[in-house]
Amino acid sequence: MDYIEMTEEEFMDLDNSYMGICLSCGEHAHGVEPDARNYTCESCDAPEVYGAAELLIMGRIEFV
């Protein structure tokens, strides 16, 4: 499993800005609820965009 590395401050900014990350291409997505799952990515069209809180719950975020 690939982890997304970020600081706690970066995570809080991502979460508070309603942004998510596509697990397929790695692009950030705007207007994403923190608990979003399987939103369609505007960059690659894959249904792989997850909100920040959901990524944390899934264990995909690693704090550095």
N, C-alpha and C. Protein backbone atom coordinates (compact mmCIF):
# COMPACT_ATOMS: atom_id res chain seq x y z
N MET A 1 0.84 -1.18 0.00
CA MET A 1 0.00 0.00 0.00
C MET A 1 0.88 1.24 0.00
N ASP A 2 0.59 2.16 -0.86
CA ASP A 2 1.33 3.41 -0.92
C ASP A 2 0.76 4.39 0.11
N TYR A 3 1.65 5.08 0.77
CA TYR A 3 1.25 6.08 1.75
C TYR A 3 1.46 7.47 1.18
N ILE A 4 0.61 8.38 1.62
CA ILE A 4 0.77 9.79 1.26
C ILE A 4 1.45 10.46 2.44
N GLU A 5 2.66 10.92 2.24
CA GLU A 5 3.41 11.55 3.32
C GLU A 5 3.10 13.03 3.39
N MET A 6 2.84 13.51 4.60
CA MET A 6 2.59 14.94 4.82
C MET A 6 2.77 15.24 6.30
N THR A 7 2.95 16.52 6.58
CA THR A 7 3.03 16.95 7.97
C THR A 7 1.61 17.07 8.53
N GLU A 8 1.50 17.16 9.84
CA GLU A 8 0.19 17.36 10.46
C GLU A 8 -0.43 18.68 10.01
N GLU A 9 0.41 19.70 9.83
CA GLU A 9 -0.08 21.01 9.37
C GLU A 9 -0.63 20.90 7.94
N GLU A 10 0.07 20.18 7.08
CA GLU A 10 -0.42 19.99 5.71
C GLU A 10 -1.76 19.24 5.71
N PHE A 11 -1.87 18.25 6.59
CA PHE A 11 -3.13 17.51 6.69
C PHE A 11 -4.26 18.42 7.12
N MET A 12 -4.02 19.25 8.14
CA MET A 12 -5.06 20.16 8.62
C MET A 12 -5.47 21.14 7.54
N ASP A 13 -4.51 21.64 6.77
CA ASP A 13 -4.81 22.55 5.66
C ASP A 13 -5.66 21.84 4.61
N LEU A 14 -5.31 20.61 4.27
CA LEU A 14 -6.05 19.83 3.30
C LEU A 14 -7.48 19.60 3.78
N ASP A 15 -7.62 19.20 5.03
CA ASP A 15 -8.93 18.91 5.62
C ASP A 15 -9.80 20.17 5.71
N ASN A 16 -9.22 21.25 6.19
CA ASN A 16 -9.97 22.50 6.36
C ASN A 16 -10.32 23.17 5.04
N SER A 17 -9.60 22.86 3.98
CA SER A 17 -9.83 23.46 2.66
C SER A 17 -10.77 22.63 1.80
N TYR A 18 -11.33 21.56 2.37
CA TYR A 18 -12.22 20.66 1.63
C TYR A 18 -11.55 20.17 0.35
N MET A 19 -10.37 19.62 0.54
CA MET A 19 -9.63 19.05 -0.58
C MET A 19 -9.44 17.56 -0.35
N GLY A 20 -9.30 16.84 -1.43
CA GLY A 20 -9.05 15.42 -1.36
C GLY A 20 -7.89 15.07 -2.28
N ILE A 21 -7.57 13.80 -2.32
CA ILE A 21 -6.46 13.33 -3.15
C ILE A 21 -6.93 12.11 -3.93
N CYS A 22 -6.56 12.07 -5.20
CA CYS A 22 -6.86 10.92 -6.04
C CYS A 22 -5.80 9.85 -5.79
N LEU A 23 -6.23 8.66 -5.42
CA LEU A 23 -5.28 7.58 -5.18
C LEU A 23 -4.76 6.97 -6.48
N SER A 24 -5.39 7.30 -7.58
CA SER A 24 -4.95 6.77 -8.87
C SER A 24 -3.80 7.60 -9.45
N CYS A 25 -3.99 8.94 -9.48
CA CYS A 25 -2.98 9.79 -10.12
C CYS A 25 -2.25 10.73 -9.16
N GLY A 26 -2.75 10.85 -7.93
CA GLY A 26 -2.08 11.69 -6.93
C GLY A 26 -2.45 13.15 -6.95
N GLU A 27 -3.34 13.55 -7.85
CA GLU A 27 -3.75 14.96 -7.94
C GLU A 27 -4.65 15.34 -6.77
N HIS A 28 -4.55 16.61 -6.38
CA HIS A 28 -5.45 17.14 -5.36
C HIS A 28 -6.76 17.54 -6.02
N ALA A 29 -7.86 17.33 -5.33
CA ALA A 29 -9.18 17.67 -5.84
C ALA A 29 -9.82 18.68 -4.91
N HIS A 30 -10.48 19.67 -5.48
CA HIS A 30 -11.12 20.74 -4.70
C HIS A 30 -12.59 20.41 -4.46
N GLY A 31 -13.14 20.97 -3.38
CA GLY A 31 -14.56 20.80 -3.08
C GLY A 31 -14.94 19.39 -2.66
N VAL A 32 -14.07 18.75 -1.91
CA VAL A 32 -14.27 17.36 -1.49
C VAL A 32 -14.56 17.32 0.01
N GLU A 33 -15.66 16.70 0.38
CA GLU A 33 -15.98 16.53 1.80
C GLU A 33 -14.89 15.70 2.48
N PRO A 34 -14.63 15.96 3.76
CA PRO A 34 -13.57 15.21 4.46
C PRO A 34 -13.78 13.69 4.45
N ASP A 35 -15.06 13.24 4.44
CA ASP A 35 -15.33 11.81 4.47
C ASP A 35 -15.68 11.24 3.08
N ALA A 36 -15.32 11.96 2.04
CA ALA A 36 -15.63 11.54 0.67
C ALA A 36 -14.92 10.24 0.31
N ARG A 37 -15.61 9.44 -0.48
CA ARG A 37 -15.04 8.19 -1.00
C ARG A 37 -15.45 8.02 -2.44
N ASN A 38 -14.52 7.59 -3.25
CA ASN A 38 -14.78 7.23 -4.64
C ASN A 38 -15.38 8.35 -5.49
N TYR A 39 -14.98 9.59 -5.23
CA TYR A 39 -15.37 10.69 -6.12
C TYR A 39 -14.58 10.54 -7.41
N THR A 40 -15.12 11.02 -8.49
CA THR A 40 -14.43 10.95 -9.78
C THR A 40 -13.39 12.06 -9.88
N CYS A 41 -12.19 11.69 -10.27
CA CYS A 41 -11.08 12.63 -10.41
C CYS A 41 -11.24 13.43 -11.69
N GLU A 42 -11.09 14.74 -11.59
CA GLU A 42 -11.17 15.61 -12.76
C GLU A 42 -9.96 15.46 -13.67
N SER A 43 -8.86 14.97 -13.14
CA SER A 43 -7.63 14.82 -13.94
C SER A 43 -7.58 13.51 -14.71
N CYS A 44 -7.95 12.40 -14.07
CA CYS A 44 -7.79 11.10 -14.72
C CYS A 44 -9.10 10.32 -14.88
N ASP A 45 -10.20 10.87 -14.39
CA ASP A 45 -11.54 10.26 -14.50
C ASP A 45 -11.71 8.97 -13.69
N ALA A 46 -10.76 8.63 -12.86
CA ALA A 46 -10.89 7.44 -12.03
C ALA A 46 -11.73 7.77 -10.78
N PRO A 47 -12.54 6.85 -10.31
CA PRO A 47 -13.34 7.09 -9.11
C PRO A 47 -12.51 6.82 -7.85
N GLU A 48 -11.41 7.55 -7.72
CA GLU A 48 -10.43 7.28 -6.67
C GLU A 48 -10.13 8.48 -5.77
N VAL A 49 -10.99 9.50 -5.76
CA VAL A 49 -10.75 10.67 -4.93
C VAL A 49 -11.36 10.44 -3.54
N TYR A 50 -10.53 10.67 -2.53
CA TYR A 50 -10.96 10.50 -1.14
C TYR A 50 -10.67 11.78 -0.38
N GLY A 51 -11.54 12.08 0.58
CA GLY A 51 -11.34 13.24 1.44
C GLY A 51 -10.22 12.99 2.43
N ALA A 52 -9.72 14.07 3.01
CA ALA A 52 -8.58 13.98 3.92
C ALA A 52 -8.86 13.08 5.13
N ALA A 53 -10.00 13.27 5.78
CA ALA A 53 -10.32 12.46 6.96
C ALA A 53 -10.46 10.99 6.59
N GLU A 54 -11.06 10.73 5.46
CA GLU A 54 -11.24 9.34 5.02
C GLU A 54 -9.88 8.69 4.73
N LEU A 55 -8.98 9.42 4.13
CA LEU A 55 -7.63 8.89 3.88
C LEU A 55 -6.92 8.56 5.19
N LEU A 56 -7.12 9.38 6.19
CA LEU A 56 -6.51 9.14 7.49
C LEU A 56 -7.10 7.88 8.12
N ILE A 57 -8.42 7.74 8.08
CA ILE A 57 -9.08 6.55 8.63
C ILE A 57 -8.62 5.28 7.91
N MET A 58 -8.43 5.39 6.60
CA MET A 58 -7.99 4.25 5.80
C MET A 58 -6.53 3.88 6.04
N GLY A 59 -5.81 4.73 6.76
CA GLY A 59 -4.40 4.47 7.03
C GLY A 59 -3.50 4.79 5.85
N ARG A 60 -3.96 5.66 4.96
CA ARG A 60 -3.18 6.01 3.77
C ARG A 60 -2.29 7.23 3.96
N ILE A 61 -2.46 7.95 5.07
CA ILE A 61 -1.64 9.13 5.34
C ILE A 61 -0.60 8.77 6.39
N GLU A 62 0.63 9.15 6.09
CA GLU A 62 1.74 8.94 7.02
C GLU A 62 2.32 10.32 7.36
N PHE A 63 2.31 10.65 8.63
CA PHE A 63 2.83 11.95 9.07
C PHE A 63 4.35 11.90 9.18
N VAL A 64 4.99 12.91 8.63
CA VAL A 64 6.46 13.00 8.66
C VAL A 64 6.88 14.23 9.42
